[in-house]
Amino acid sequence: MAMNVERSTCVDLYKFADVFSVDIVRNACFQLIHRNFVEVATSEEFCSLSVNQLTEIISHDELDVKEETTVWEAVVRWVQHSREDWCR
């Protein structure tokens, strides 16, 4: 079964599929996030990932980034966003 997942919805679909164990959707989104990490990591939806989801994504060997600082910056952005949520 082929899936057509958009970058704009892949994080939300990934979170949904992760919670409800829809593996085919989860895996398709996981691959799309890895191939387009730079773009996906700058989205607002990226900051809504759980710590477990974020850890799984950034620790995977197939993460497509040119520099490790890209991952570091994405994590810092995620932490800052999470801190804002905690302070509310």
Protein backbone atom coordinates (compact mmCIF):
# COMPACT_ATOMS: atom_id res chain seq x y z
CA MET A 1 0.00 0.00 0.00
CA ALA A 2 1.52 3.31 -1.07
CA MET A 3 1.11 6.35 1.13
CA ASN A 4 1.25 9.97 0.15
CA VAL A 5 2.21 11.92 3.26
CA GLU A 6 2.77 15.67 3.10
CA ARG A 7 5.56 17.38 5.03
CA SER A 8 3.04 19.79 6.49
CA THR A 9 1.07 16.98 8.15
CA CYS A 10 3.72 14.32 8.77
CA VAL A 11 4.42 15.24 12.42
CA ASP A 12 0.74 15.24 13.39
CA LEU A 13 0.18 11.98 11.52
CA TYR A 14 3.29 10.49 13.13
CA LYS A 15 2.02 11.38 16.62
CA PHE A 16 -1.44 9.94 15.86
CA ALA A 17 -0.03 6.74 14.39
CA ASP A 18 2.38 6.37 17.30
CA VAL A 19 -0.39 6.66 19.90
CA PHE A 20 -2.74 4.29 18.07
CA SER A 21 -0.04 1.86 16.81
CA VAL A 22 -0.79 2.33 13.12
CA ASP A 23 2.63 1.09 12.05
CA ILE A 24 2.39 1.59 8.29
CA VAL A 25 1.45 5.27 8.73
CA ARG A 26 3.94 5.76 11.55
CA ASN A 27 6.79 4.31 9.49
CA ALA A 28 5.93 6.40 6.42
CA CYS A 29 5.89 9.57 8.53
CA PHE A 30 9.07 8.55 10.35
CA GLN A 31 10.90 8.18 7.03
CA LEU A 32 9.57 11.49 5.73
CA ILE A 33 10.66 13.28 8.90
CA HIS A 34 14.15 11.81 8.55
CA ARG A 35 14.50 12.72 4.88
CA ASN A 36 13.24 16.27 5.46
CA PHE A 37 14.46 16.90 8.99
CA VAL A 38 15.66 20.47 8.44
CA GLU A 39 12.29 21.58 7.09
CA VAL A 40 10.19 19.53 9.51
CA ALA A 41 12.22 20.61 12.55
CA THR A 42 11.34 24.25 11.92
CA SER A 43 7.60 23.58 11.95
CA GLU A 44 5.40 24.41 14.92
CA GLU A 45 4.16 20.81 14.97
CA PHE A 46 7.70 19.55 15.61
CA CYS A 47 7.62 21.25 19.01
CA SER A 48 4.54 19.25 19.97
CA LEU A 49 6.38 15.91 19.84
CA SER A 50 6.70 14.02 23.10
CA VAL A 51 10.17 13.60 24.55
CA ASN A 52 10.11 9.90 23.56
CA GLN A 53 9.10 10.69 20.00
CA LEU A 54 11.76 13.39 19.70
CA THR A 55 14.43 11.09 21.11
CA GLU A 56 13.51 8.32 18.69
CA ILE A 57 13.65 10.67 15.71
CA ILE A 58 16.96 12.35 16.49
CA SER A 59 18.74 9.16 17.54
CA HIS A 60 17.99 7.26 14.33
CA ASP A 61 20.94 6.56 12.02
CA GLU A 62 19.03 7.60 8.90
CA LEU A 63 18.48 11.19 10.03
CA ASP A 64 19.40 13.32 7.01
CA VAL A 65 21.35 16.32 8.26
CA LYS A 66 24.60 17.82 7.05
CA GLU A 67 25.70 19.03 10.47
CA GLU A 68 24.98 17.85 13.99
CA THR A 69 24.36 21.45 15.01
CA THR A 70 21.13 21.28 13.01
CA VAL A 71 19.87 18.58 15.37
CA TRP A 72 21.13 20.48 18.41
CA GLU A 73 19.32 23.65 17.31
CA ALA A 74 16.09 21.70 16.76
CA VAL A 75 16.32 20.19 20.24
CA VAL A 76 17.01 23.60 21.81
CA ARG A 77 13.96 25.00 20.01
CA TRP A 78 11.86 22.04 21.21
CA VAL A 79 13.05 22.57 24.82
CA GLN A 80 12.33 26.29 24.70
CA HIS A 81 8.83 25.63 23.39
CA SER A 82 8.26 22.96 26.04
CA ARG A 83 9.43 25.34 28.77
CA GLU A 84 6.86 27.89 27.60
CA ASP A 85 4.15 25.23 27.90
CA TRP A 86 5.32 24.23 31.39
CA CYS A 87 5.25 27.85 32.56
CA ARG A 88 1.63 28.38 31.50
